[in-house]
Amino acid sequence: MQEMMTRAEAAEFLRVSLRTFDTLVAEGRIPRYRVSRQLVRFRREDLVDYIERNRVEPEESVSAAVDSILGQ
């Protein structure tokens, strides 16, 4: 069974404020699952996917990639 989290748990997992988390959810960047009329949960797997999609490469890697593209 997949691990489900509350809104507060999911925000803490991402290490963002509740306000930032609510914005991410409202923008559709993080899916939510309605358990009942008033109860919403978030899958840990979806949060990990969000983290991976938003990974930023270290500056050295970016510079090396640009250099290789430019043939330097």
C-alpha atoms as a PDB file:
ATOM      1  CA  MET A   1       0.000   0.000   0.000  1.00  0.00           C
ATOM      2  CA  GLN A   2       1.215   3.482  -0.839  1.00  0.00           C
ATOM      3  CA  GLU A   3       2.058   5.903   1.915  1.00  0.00           C
ATOM      4  CA  MET A   4      -0.451   8.744   2.133  1.00  0.00           C
ATOM      5  CA  MET A   5       0.220  12.039   3.927  1.00  0.00           C
ATOM      6  CA  THR A   6      -1.825  14.889   5.270  1.00  0.00           C
ATOM      7  CA  ARG A   7      -1.332  18.399   3.944  1.00  0.00           C
ATOM      8  CA  ALA A   8       0.885  19.327   6.890  1.00  0.00           C
ATOM      9  CA  GLU A   9       2.945  16.126   6.582  1.00  0.00           C
ATOM     10  CA  ALA A  10       3.415  16.647   2.842  1.00  0.00           C
ATOM     11  CA  ALA A  11       4.509  20.270   3.300  1.00  0.00           C
ATOM     12  CA  GLU A  12       6.958  19.184   5.991  1.00  0.00           C
ATOM     13  CA  PHE A  13       8.270  16.392   3.738  1.00  0.00           C
ATOM     14  CA  LEU A  14       8.999  18.983   1.021  1.00  0.00           C
ATOM     15  CA  ARG A  15      10.314  21.424   3.627  1.00  0.00           C
ATOM     16  CA  VAL A  16       8.058  24.230   2.432  1.00  0.00           C
ATOM     17  CA  SER A  17       5.473  26.348   4.208  1.00  0.00           C
ATOM     18  CA  LEU A  18       1.808  25.375   4.108  1.00  0.00           C
ATOM     19  CA  ARG A  19       1.155  28.457   1.990  1.00  0.00           C
ATOM     20  CA  THR A  20       3.766  27.414  -0.590  1.00  0.00           C
ATOM     21  CA  PHE A  21       2.442  23.860  -0.552  1.00  0.00           C
ATOM     22  CA  ASP A  22      -1.126  25.067  -1.114  1.00  0.00           C
ATOM     23  CA  THR A  23       0.092  27.115  -4.090  1.00  0.00           C
ATOM     24  CA  LEU A  24       1.825  24.080  -5.620  1.00  0.00           C
ATOM     25  CA  VAL A  25      -1.359  22.045  -5.228  1.00  0.00           C
ATOM     26  CA  ALA A  26      -3.583  24.842  -6.612  1.00  0.00           C
ATOM     27  CA  GLU A  27      -1.288  25.127  -9.661  1.00  0.00           C
ATOM     28  CA  GLY A  28      -1.679  21.390 -10.261  1.00  0.00           C
ATOM     29  CA  ARG A  29       2.010  20.703  -9.720  1.00  0.00           C
ATOM     30  CA  ILE A  30       1.268  18.192  -6.952  1.00  0.00           C
ATOM     31  CA  PRO A  31      -1.705  15.820  -7.286  1.00  0.00           C
ATOM     32  CA  ARG A  32      -4.130  15.326  -4.419  1.00  0.00           C
ATOM     33  CA  TYR A  33      -6.495  12.508  -3.550  1.00  0.00           C
ATOM     34  CA  ARG A  34      -9.875  13.137  -2.008  1.00  0.00           C
ATOM     35  CA  VAL A  35     -10.559  10.495   0.632  1.00  0.00           C
ATOM     36  CA  SER A  36     -13.913  11.966   1.603  1.00  0.00           C
ATOM     37  CA  ARG A  37     -15.764  15.212   1.094  1.00  0.00           C
ATOM     38  CA  GLN A  38     -13.416  17.173   3.338  1.00  0.00           C
ATOM     39  CA  LEU A  39     -10.420  14.853   3.598  1.00  0.00           C
ATOM     40  CA  VAL A  40      -7.528  15.175   1.132  1.00  0.00           C
ATOM     41  CA  ARG A  41      -4.298  13.149   1.118  1.00  0.00           C
ATOM     42  CA  PHE A  42      -1.053  13.205  -0.837  1.00  0.00           C
ATOM     43  CA  ARG A  43       1.030  10.242  -2.000  1.00  0.00           C
ATOM     44  CA  ARG A  44       4.669  10.171  -0.943  1.00  0.00           C
ATOM     45  CA  GLU A  45       5.558   8.869  -4.424  1.00  0.00           C
ATOM     46  CA  ASP A  46       4.005  11.977  -6.031  1.00  0.00           C
ATOM     47  CA  LEU A  47       6.022  14.234  -3.732  1.00  0.00           C
ATOM     48  CA  VAL A  48       9.245  12.406  -4.614  1.00  0.00           C
ATOM     49  CA  ASP A  49       8.345  12.738  -8.321  1.00  0.00           C
ATOM     50  CA  TYR A  50       7.833  16.486  -7.821  1.00  0.00           C
ATOM     51  CA  ILE A  51      11.282  16.767  -6.222  1.00  0.00           C
ATOM     52  CA  GLU A  52      12.920  14.841  -9.052  1.00  0.00           C
ATOM     53  CA  ARG A  53      11.169  16.901 -11.767  1.00  0.00           C
ATOM     54  CA  ASN A  54      12.397  20.115 -10.190  1.00  0.00           C
ATOM     55  CA  ARG A  55      15.992  19.100  -9.611  1.00  0.00           C
ATOM     56  CA  VAL A  56      18.500  21.784 -10.572  1.00  0.00           C
ATOM     57  CA  GLU A  57      21.879  20.707 -11.883  1.00  0.00           C
ATOM     58  CA  PRO A  58      24.940  22.060 -10.068  1.00  0.00           C
ATOM     59  CA  GLU A  59      26.576  25.050 -11.773  1.00  0.00           C
ATOM     60  CA  GLU A  60      29.712  23.073 -12.701  1.00  0.00           C
ATOM     61  CA  SER A  61      27.670  20.531 -14.644  1.00  0.00           C
ATOM     62  CA  VAL A  62      25.789  23.251 -16.472  1.00  0.00           C
ATOM     63  CA  SER A  63      29.019  25.053 -17.375  1.00  0.00           C
ATOM     64  CA  ALA A  64      30.590  21.823 -18.598  1.00  0.00           C
ATOM     65  CA  ALA A  65      27.501  21.041 -20.696  1.00  0.00           C
ATOM     66  CA  VAL A  66      27.533  24.509 -22.255  1.00  0.00           C
ATOM     67  CA  ASP A  67      31.267  24.208 -22.988  1.00  0.00           C
ATOM     68  CA  SER A  68      30.776  20.833 -24.650  1.00  0.00           C
ATOM     69  CA  ILE A  69      27.898  22.162 -26.755  1.00  0.00           C
ATOM     70  CA  LEU A  70      29.957  25.184 -27.834  1.00  0.00           C
ATOM     71  CA  GLY A  71      32.964  22.964 -28.537  1.00  0.00           C
ATOM     72  CA  GLN A  72      35.240  24.657 -26.033  1.00  0.00           C
END
